[in-house]
Amino acid sequence: MEIKNFTITKRDGSKDQFSLDKIMNAILKAFESVDQPTDLGAISKILSRLDIHNDITVEDIQNQVEEALMSEGYYKVAKSFMLYRQAHSEDRETLAKLQFLSEYCDSVNAATGSKYDANANVEHKNIATLIGELPKSNFIRLNRRLLTDRIKKMYGKQLADEYIDKLTHHFIYKNDETSLANYCASITMYPWLIGGTVSIGGNSTAPTNLKSFCGGFVNMVFMVSNRTITSIQTSRLT
């Protein structure tokens, strides 16, 4: 690995100067944690496998270190390094939750205190609204994983990666990511207005007056709701 004045991208998106010493120290600590001796030659071989480029992310560097350790046969060291990363990841998540708790308590109301639902339709803060907010980041990750896995299966990894990229950069917006239970859906009424509910498994004809419109509309809503719930349950079981 050629040493240059690289800039790395930290987890919060900020930039920092690349430091080879930080990587070496992390590798040495991983060896020490499993009481496995090492020397400069072994460390140099591990470092030579890294492909560092400008604006590389911290996560990418750590992934490469794990792969380099395993490629050199240091499996116990690699496992220790992975566990170290996981522990720090959990610590960061806990600190983020604590920070959120503090900010939520200082917020004006439940809507302004919400990090993920700025248009929350509740006004008063209490323990119930706070409990509802805490798991939302986890639900977002889970829902995105469920959807990207399905996109990969149906259309390939490239489209799944593009979907996440467009979400991250706000080219598209996904509703209901903060809940495991979908609570709204949009449909077009045009097929029902011209053909009734036959196309979705019903037997009612198209509405011809206000009375048939109201009755048919209620039937259509129940039928669509039932089909939506059934499709969600089926997709999560398959």
C-alpha atoms as a PDB file:
ATOM      1  CA  MET A   1       0.000   0.000   0.000  1.00  0.00           C
ATOM      2  CA  GLU A   2       1.484   3.307  -1.099  1.00  0.00           C
ATOM      3  CA  ILE A   3       1.245   5.986   1.568  1.00  0.00           C
ATOM      4  CA  LYS A   4      -0.300   9.224   0.298  1.00  0.00           C
ATOM      5  CA  ASN A   5      -2.109  12.195   1.762  1.00  0.00           C
ATOM      6  CA  PHE A   6      -5.516  10.569   1.506  1.00  0.00           C
ATOM      7  CA  THR A   7      -8.722  11.956   2.940  1.00  0.00           C
ATOM      8  CA  ILE A   8     -11.141   9.488   4.542  1.00  0.00           C
ATOM      9  CA  THR A   9     -14.889   9.804   5.084  1.00  0.00           C
ATOM     10  CA  LYS A  10     -15.981   9.280   8.686  1.00  0.00           C
ATOM     11  CA  ARG A  11     -19.285   7.718   9.776  1.00  0.00           C
ATOM     12  CA  ASP A  12     -20.943  11.099  10.234  1.00  0.00           C
ATOM     13  CA  GLY A  13     -19.982  12.148   6.705  1.00  0.00           C
ATOM     14  CA  SER A  14     -17.164  14.483   7.742  1.00  0.00           C
ATOM     15  CA  LYS A  15     -13.658  14.258   6.279  1.00  0.00           C
ATOM     16  CA  ASP A  16     -10.402  13.512   8.084  1.00  0.00           C
ATOM     17  CA  GLN A  17      -6.774  12.903   7.211  1.00  0.00           C
ATOM     18  CA  PHE A  18      -5.867   9.267   6.641  1.00  0.00           C
ATOM     19  CA  SER A  19      -3.680   7.837   9.416  1.00  0.00           C
ATOM     20  CA  LEU A  20      -1.734   4.632   8.851  1.00  0.00           C
ATOM     21  CA  ASP A  21      -0.790   4.583  12.539  1.00  0.00           C
ATOM     22  CA  LYS A  22      -4.472   4.195  13.549  1.00  0.00           C
ATOM     23  CA  ILE A  23      -4.836   1.129  11.330  1.00  0.00           C
ATOM     24  CA  MET A  24      -1.581  -0.410  12.617  1.00  0.00           C
ATOM     25  CA  ASN A  25      -2.601   0.175  16.231  1.00  0.00           C
ATOM     26  CA  ALA A  26      -6.016  -1.426  15.648  1.00  0.00           C
ATOM     27  CA  ILE A  27      -4.379  -4.492  14.080  1.00  0.00           C
ATOM     28  CA  LEU A  28      -1.831  -4.769  16.902  1.00  0.00           C
ATOM     29  CA  LYS A  29      -4.595  -4.577  19.518  1.00  0.00           C
ATOM     30  CA  ALA A  30      -6.462  -7.365  17.717  1.00  0.00           C
ATOM     31  CA  PHE A  31      -3.349  -9.580  17.918  1.00  0.00           C
ATOM     32  CA  GLU A  32      -2.828  -8.698  21.585  1.00  0.00           C
ATOM     33  CA  SER A  33      -6.478  -9.477  22.427  1.00  0.00           C
ATOM     34  CA  VAL A  34      -5.955 -13.151  21.465  1.00  0.00           C
ATOM     35  CA  ASP A  35      -2.383 -13.324  22.855  1.00  0.00           C
ATOM     36  CA  GLN A  36      -0.958 -13.977  19.396  1.00  0.00           C
ATOM     37  CA  PRO A  37       2.525 -12.553  18.776  1.00  0.00           C
ATOM     38  CA  THR A  38       3.277 -10.620  15.623  1.00  0.00           C
ATOM     39  CA  ASP A  39       6.045  -8.574  14.057  1.00  0.00           C
ATOM     40  CA  LEU A  40       6.495  -5.718  11.634  1.00  0.00           C
ATOM     41  CA  GLY A  41       6.815  -8.095   8.683  1.00  0.00           C
ATOM     42  CA  ALA A  42       3.437  -9.684   9.355  1.00  0.00           C
ATOM     43  CA  ILE A  43       1.784  -6.291   9.827  1.00  0.00           C
ATOM     44  CA  SER A  44       3.340  -5.068   6.569  1.00  0.00           C
ATOM     45  CA  LYS A  45       1.868  -8.035   4.670  1.00  0.00           C
ATOM     46  CA  ILE A  46      -1.570  -7.275   6.052  1.00  0.00           C
ATOM     47  CA  LEU A  47      -1.284  -3.591   5.164  1.00  0.00           C
ATOM     48  CA  SER A  48      -0.082  -4.420   1.651  1.00  0.00           C
ATOM     49  CA  ARG A  49      -3.475  -6.022   0.948  1.00  0.00           C
ATOM     50  CA  LEU A  50      -5.359  -2.802   1.635  1.00  0.00           C
ATOM     51  CA  ASP A  51      -6.562  -0.662  -1.250  1.00  0.00           C
ATOM     52  CA  ILE A  52      -6.767   2.834   0.205  1.00  0.00           C
ATOM     53  CA  HIS A  53      -8.040   5.628  -2.022  1.00  0.00           C
ATOM     54  CA  ASN A  54      -9.134   9.187  -1.505  1.00  0.00           C
ATOM     55  CA  ASP A  55     -12.429   9.675   0.387  1.00  0.00           C
ATOM     56  CA  ILE A  56     -12.599   5.980   1.330  1.00  0.00           C
ATOM     57  CA  THR A  57     -15.005   5.322   4.200  1.00  0.00           C
ATOM     58  CA  VAL A  58     -13.962   4.095   7.631  1.00  0.00           C
ATOM     59  CA  GLU A  59     -16.259   1.091   7.211  1.00  0.00           C
ATOM     60  CA  ASP A  60     -14.552   0.129   3.941  1.00  0.00           C
ATOM     61  CA  ILE A  61     -11.103   0.301   5.556  1.00  0.00           C
ATOM     62  CA  GLN A  62     -12.215  -1.917   8.431  1.00  0.00           C
ATOM     63  CA  ASN A  63     -13.825  -4.390   6.005  1.00  0.00           C
ATOM     64  CA  GLN A  64     -10.543  -4.604   4.110  1.00  0.00           C
ATOM     65  CA  VAL A  65      -8.595  -5.179   7.339  1.00  0.00           C
ATOM     66  CA  GLU A  66     -10.880  -8.117   8.196  1.00  0.00           C
ATOM     67  CA  GLU A  67     -10.394  -9.628   4.735  1.00  0.00           C
ATOM     68  CA  ALA A  68      -6.632  -9.074   4.879  1.00  0.00           C
ATOM     69  CA  LEU A  69      -6.361 -10.790   8.277  1.00  0.00           C
ATOM     70  CA  MET A  70      -8.270 -13.819   7.013  1.00  0.00           C
ATOM     71  CA  SER A  71      -6.292 -13.926   3.766  1.00  0.00           C
ATOM     72  CA  GLU A  72      -3.082 -14.110   5.821  1.00  0.00           C
ATOM     73  CA  GLY A  73      -4.547 -16.911   7.930  1.00  0.00           C
ATOM     74  CA  TYR A  74      -5.086 -14.939  11.153  1.00  0.00           C
ATOM     75  CA  TYR A  75      -8.642 -16.154  11.735  1.00  0.00           C
ATOM     76  CA  LYS A  76      -8.729 -15.698  15.513  1.00  0.00           C
ATOM     77  CA  VAL A  77      -7.354 -12.179  15.142  1.00  0.00           C
ATOM     78  CA  ALA A  78      -9.942 -11.391  12.470  1.00  0.00           C
ATOM     79  CA  LYS A  79     -12.731 -12.663  14.725  1.00  0.00           C
ATOM     80  CA  SER A  80     -11.493 -10.491  17.577  1.00  0.00           C
ATOM     81  CA  PHE A  81     -11.355  -7.501  15.250  1.00  0.00           C
ATOM     82  CA  MET A  82     -14.954  -8.159  14.136  1.00  0.00           C
ATOM     83  CA  LEU A  83     -16.185  -8.457  17.723  1.00  0.00           C
ATOM     84  CA  TYR A  84     -14.388  -5.219  18.574  1.00  0.00           C
ATOM     85  CA  ARG A  85     -16.157  -3.465  15.707  1.00  0.00           C
ATOM     86  CA  GLN A  86     -19.521  -4.878  16.768  1.00  0.00           C
ATOM     87  CA  ALA A  87     -19.062  -3.754  20.371  1.00  0.00           C
ATOM     88  CA  HIS A  88     -18.197  -0.221  19.264  1.00  0.00           C
ATOM     89  CA  SER A  89     -21.136  -0.185  16.872  1.00  0.00           C
ATOM     90  CA  GLU A  90     -23.489  -1.082  19.734  1.00  0.00           C
ATOM     91  CA  ASP A  91     -21.909   1.607  21.906  1.00  0.00           C
ATOM     92  CA  ARG A  92     -22.452   4.222  19.196  1.00  0.00           C
ATOM     93  CA  GLU A  93     -26.070   3.152  18.807  1.00  0.00           C
ATOM     94  CA  THR A  94     -26.654   3.373  22.556  1.00  0.00           C
ATOM     95  CA  LEU A  95     -25.085   6.835  22.725  1.00  0.00           C
ATOM     96  CA  ALA A  96     -27.262   7.937  19.807  1.00  0.00           C
ATOM     97  CA  LYS A  97     -30.367   6.722  21.663  1.00  0.00           C
ATOM     98  CA  LEU A  98     -29.309   8.577  24.803  1.00  0.00           C
ATOM     99  CA  GLN A  99     -28.751  11.724  22.761  1.00  0.00           C
ATOM    100  CA  PHE A 100     -32.191  11.316  21.216  1.00  0.00           C
ATOM    101  CA  LEU A 101     -33.775  10.914  24.677  1.00  0.00           C
ATOM    102  CA  SER A 102     -32.180  14.170  25.789  1.00  0.00           C
ATOM    103  CA  GLU A 103     -33.250  16.056  22.666  1.00  0.00           C
ATOM    104  CA  TYR A 104     -36.780  14.637  22.835  1.00  0.00           C
ATOM    105  CA  CYS A 105     -37.196  15.828  26.425  1.00  0.00           C
ATOM    106  CA  ASP A 106     -36.025  19.325  25.423  1.00  0.00           C
ATOM    107  CA  SER A 107     -38.239  19.523  22.326  1.00  0.00           C
ATOM    108  CA  VAL A 108     -41.366  21.686  22.168  1.00  0.00           C
ATOM    109  CA  ASN A 109     -43.743  18.803  21.452  1.00  0.00           C
ATOM    110  CA  ALA A 110     -43.847  15.261  20.122  1.00  0.00           C
ATOM    111  CA  ALA A 111     -43.832  16.388  16.497  1.00  0.00           C
ATOM    112  CA  THR A 112     -40.752  18.596  16.761  1.00  0.00           C
ATOM    113  CA  GLY A 113     -39.025  15.959  18.878  1.00  0.00           C
ATOM    114  CA  SER A 114     -39.565  13.228  16.294  1.00  0.00           C
ATOM    115  CA  LYS A 115     -36.414  12.490  14.332  1.00  0.00           C
ATOM    116  CA  TYR A 116     -38.013  10.306  11.664  1.00  0.00           C
ATOM    117  CA  ASP A 117     -41.618  11.569  11.383  1.00  0.00           C
ATOM    118  CA  ALA A 118     -41.493  15.330  11.221  1.00  0.00           C
ATOM    119  CA  ASN A 119     -45.200  15.402  10.366  1.00  0.00           C
ATOM    120  CA  ALA A 120     -46.221  13.358  13.404  1.00  0.00           C
ATOM    121  CA  ASN A 121     -49.880  14.044  14.195  1.00  0.00           C
ATOM    122  CA  VAL A 122     -49.454  14.127  17.975  1.00  0.00           C
ATOM    123  CA  GLU A 123     -48.862  17.285  19.980  1.00  0.00           C
ATOM    124  CA  HIS A 124     -48.138  16.302  23.575  1.00  0.00           C
ATOM    125  CA  LYS A 125     -45.006  14.522  24.740  1.00  0.00           C
ATOM    126  CA  ASN A 126     -45.342  11.625  27.157  1.00  0.00           C
ATOM    127  CA  ILE A 127     -43.735   8.261  27.821  1.00  0.00           C
ATOM    128  CA  ALA A 128     -46.013   6.557  25.288  1.00  0.00           C
ATOM    129  CA  THR A 129     -44.925   8.823  22.407  1.00  0.00           C
ATOM    130  CA  LEU A 130     -41.294   8.478  23.458  1.00  0.00           C
ATOM    131  CA  ILE A 131     -41.481   4.672  23.502  1.00  0.00           C
ATOM    132  CA  GLY A 132     -43.015   4.805  20.053  1.00  0.00           C
ATOM    133  CA  GLU A 133     -40.103   6.871  18.729  1.00  0.00           C
ATOM    134  CA  LEU A 134     -37.198   4.796  20.073  1.00  0.00           C
ATOM    135  CA  PRO A 135     -37.460   1.718  17.795  1.00  0.00           C
ATOM    136  CA  LYS A 136     -38.095   3.658  14.572  1.00  0.00           C
ATOM    137  CA  SER A 137     -34.475   3.624  13.383  1.00  0.00           C
ATOM    138  CA  ASN A 138     -34.398  -0.157  13.816  1.00  0.00           C
ATOM    139  CA  PHE A 139     -37.674  -0.543  11.930  1.00  0.00           C
ATOM    140  CA  ILE A 140     -36.293   1.543   9.065  1.00  0.00           C
ATOM    141  CA  ARG A 141     -33.232  -0.717   8.757  1.00  0.00           C
ATOM    142  CA  LEU A 142     -35.403  -3.839   8.926  1.00  0.00           C
ATOM    143  CA  ASN A 143     -37.923  -2.601   6.357  1.00  0.00           C
ATOM    144  CA  ARG A 144     -35.151  -1.534   3.975  1.00  0.00           C
ATOM    145  CA  ARG A 145     -33.467  -4.906   4.330  1.00  0.00           C
ATOM    146  CA  LEU A 146     -36.733  -6.739   3.618  1.00  0.00           C
ATOM    147  CA  LEU A 147     -37.345  -4.647   0.523  1.00  0.00           C
ATOM    148  CA  THR A 148     -33.781  -4.678  -0.831  1.00  0.00           C
ATOM    149  CA  ASP A 149     -33.598  -8.454  -0.394  1.00  0.00           C
ATOM    150  CA  ARG A 150     -36.780  -8.765  -2.439  1.00  0.00           C
ATOM    151  CA  ILE A 151     -35.455  -6.354  -5.103  1.00  0.00           C
ATOM    152  CA  LYS A 152     -32.198  -8.344  -5.320  1.00  0.00           C
ATOM    153  CA  LYS A 153     -34.132 -11.561  -5.761  1.00  0.00           C
ATOM    154  CA  MET A 154     -36.386 -10.143  -8.452  1.00  0.00           C
ATOM    155  CA  TYR A 155     -34.168  -7.651 -10.301  1.00  0.00           C
ATOM    156  CA  GLY A 156     -30.571  -7.989  -9.046  1.00  0.00           C
ATOM    157  CA  LYS A 157     -28.190  -6.274  -6.635  1.00  0.00           C
ATOM    158  CA  GLN A 158     -27.534  -3.245  -8.843  1.00  0.00           C
ATOM    159  CA  LEU A 159     -31.142  -2.074  -8.687  1.00  0.00           C
ATOM    160  CA  ALA A 160     -31.303  -2.758  -4.929  1.00  0.00           C
ATOM    161  CA  ASP A 161     -28.204  -0.599  -4.393  1.00  0.00           C
ATOM    162  CA  GLU A 162     -29.675   2.113  -6.619  1.00  0.00           C
ATOM    163  CA  TYR A 163     -32.876   2.079  -4.553  1.00  0.00           C
ATOM    164  CA  ILE A 164     -30.947   2.695  -1.309  1.00  0.00           C
ATOM    165  CA  ASP A 165     -28.821   5.376  -2.974  1.00  0.00           C
ATOM    166  CA  LYS A 166     -31.895   7.264  -4.192  1.00  0.00           C
ATOM    167  CA  LEU A 167     -33.508   6.994  -0.756  1.00  0.00           C
ATOM    168  CA  THR A 168     -30.358   8.289   0.920  1.00  0.00           C
ATOM    169  CA  HIS A 169     -30.038  11.244  -1.446  1.00  0.00           C
ATOM    170  CA  HIS A 170     -33.792  12.048  -1.323  1.00  0.00           C
ATOM    171  CA  PHE A 171     -34.550  11.344  -4.973  1.00  0.00           C
ATOM    172  CA  ILE A 172     -37.404   9.141  -3.781  1.00  0.00           C
ATOM    173  CA  TYR A 173     -39.407   8.963  -0.557  1.00  0.00           C
ATOM    174  CA  LYS A 174     -40.639   5.782   1.090  1.00  0.00           C
ATOM    175  CA  ASN A 175     -43.615   6.096   3.412  1.00  0.00           C
ATOM    176  CA  ASP A 176     -44.263   3.880   6.467  1.00  0.00           C
ATOM    177  CA  GLU A 177     -40.621   2.823   6.962  1.00  0.00           C
ATOM    178  CA  THR A 178     -40.834   3.527  10.685  1.00  0.00           C
ATOM    179  CA  SER A 179     -43.408   0.809  11.339  1.00  0.00           C
ATOM    180  CA  LEU A 180     -43.651  -2.906  10.664  1.00  0.00           C
ATOM    181  CA  ALA A 181     -47.397  -2.504  10.114  1.00  0.00           C
ATOM    182  CA  ASN A 182     -48.369  -0.633   6.940  1.00  0.00           C
ATOM    183  CA  TYR A 183     -51.102   1.847   7.783  1.00  0.00           C
ATOM    184  CA  CYS A 184     -51.831   3.482   4.435  1.00  0.00           C
ATOM    185  CA  ALA A 185     -51.862   2.637   0.743  1.00  0.00           C
ATOM    186  CA  SER A 186     -52.768   4.427  -2.478  1.00  0.00           C
ATOM    187  CA  ILE A 187     -54.786   2.955  -5.332  1.00  0.00           C
ATOM    188  CA  THR A 188     -56.453   4.258  -8.466  1.00  0.00           C
ATOM    189  CA  MET A 189     -60.266   4.241  -8.502  1.00  0.00           C
ATOM    190  CA  TYR A 190     -60.502   4.416 -12.295  1.00  0.00           C
ATOM    191  CA  PRO A 191     -60.844   0.628 -12.941  1.00  0.00           C
ATOM    192  CA  TRP A 192     -63.623   0.418 -10.337  1.00  0.00           C
ATOM    193  CA  LEU A 193     -65.467   3.418 -11.757  1.00  0.00           C
ATOM    194  CA  ILE A 194     -65.633   1.864 -15.235  1.00  0.00           C
ATOM    195  CA  GLY A 195     -65.766  -1.853 -14.405  1.00  0.00           C
ATOM    196  CA  GLY A 196     -66.788  -2.366 -10.796  1.00  0.00           C
ATOM    197  CA  THR A 197     -64.920  -4.772  -8.532  1.00  0.00           C
ATOM    198  CA  VAL A 198     -64.667  -7.657 -11.013  1.00  0.00           C
ATOM    199  CA  SER A 199     -60.954  -7.005 -11.654  1.00  0.00           C
ATOM    200  CA  ILE A 200     -60.128  -7.542  -7.957  1.00  0.00           C
ATOM    201  CA  GLY A 201     -62.292 -10.604  -7.443  1.00  0.00           C
ATOM    202  CA  GLY A 202     -65.654  -9.000  -6.718  1.00  0.00           C
ATOM    203  CA  ASN A 203     -68.979  -9.207  -8.525  1.00  0.00           C
ATOM    204  CA  SER A 204     -70.360  -5.671  -8.274  1.00  0.00           C
ATOM    205  CA  THR A 205     -70.821  -3.574 -11.399  1.00  0.00           C
ATOM    206  CA  ALA A 206     -69.672  -0.013 -11.991  1.00  0.00           C
ATOM    207  CA  PRO A 207     -71.591   2.622  -9.979  1.00  0.00           C
ATOM    208  CA  THR A 208     -74.376   4.405 -11.839  1.00  0.00           C
ATOM    209  CA  ASN A 209     -75.661   6.802  -9.189  1.00  0.00           C
ATOM    210  CA  LEU A 210     -74.696   8.256  -5.803  1.00  0.00           C
ATOM    211  CA  LYS A 211     -76.205   5.385  -3.811  1.00  0.00           C
ATOM    212  CA  SER A 212     -74.435   2.670  -5.788  1.00  0.00           C
ATOM    213  CA  PHE A 213     -71.250   4.751  -5.686  1.00  0.00           C
ATOM    214  CA  CYS A 214     -71.273   4.941  -1.866  1.00  0.00           C
ATOM    215  CA  GLY A 215     -72.095   1.261  -1.404  1.00  0.00           C
ATOM    216  CA  GLY A 216     -69.614   0.132  -4.039  1.00  0.00           C
ATOM    217  CA  PHE A 217     -66.895   2.364  -2.638  1.00  0.00           C
ATOM    218  CA  VAL A 218     -67.230   0.792   0.811  1.00  0.00           C
ATOM    219  CA  ASN A 219     -67.048  -2.688  -0.708  1.00  0.00           C
ATOM    220  CA  MET A 220     -64.018  -1.748  -2.769  1.00  0.00           C
ATOM    221  CA  VAL A 221     -62.148  -0.374   0.260  1.00  0.00           C
ATOM    222  CA  PHE A 222     -62.767  -3.560   2.250  1.00  0.00           C
ATOM    223  CA  MET A 223     -61.674  -5.758  -0.662  1.00  0.00           C
ATOM    224  CA  VAL A 224     -58.495  -3.763  -1.337  1.00  0.00           C
ATOM    225  CA  SER A 225     -57.645  -3.663   2.379  1.00  0.00           C
ATOM    226  CA  ASN A 226     -58.037  -7.414   2.668  1.00  0.00           C
ATOM    227  CA  ARG A 227     -55.884  -8.048  -0.400  1.00  0.00           C
ATOM    228  CA  THR A 228     -53.206  -5.621   0.831  1.00  0.00           C
ATOM    229  CA  ILE A 229     -52.969  -7.254   4.263  1.00  0.00           C
ATOM    230  CA  THR A 230     -52.901 -10.734   2.728  1.00  0.00           C
ATOM    231  CA  SER A 231     -50.133  -9.805   0.278  1.00  0.00           C
ATOM    232  CA  ILE A 232     -48.025  -8.264   3.066  1.00  0.00           C
ATOM    233  CA  GLN A 233     -48.384 -11.348   5.259  1.00  0.00           C
ATOM    234  CA  THR A 234     -47.588 -13.651   2.342  1.00  0.00           C
ATOM    235  CA  SER A 235     -44.511 -11.664   1.267  1.00  0.00           C
ATOM    236  CA  ARG A 236     -43.074 -11.748   4.783  1.00  0.00           C
ATOM    237  CA  LEU A 237     -43.621 -15.494   5.100  1.00  0.00           C
ATOM    238  CA  THR A 238     -42.009 -16.368   1.752  1.00  0.00           C
END
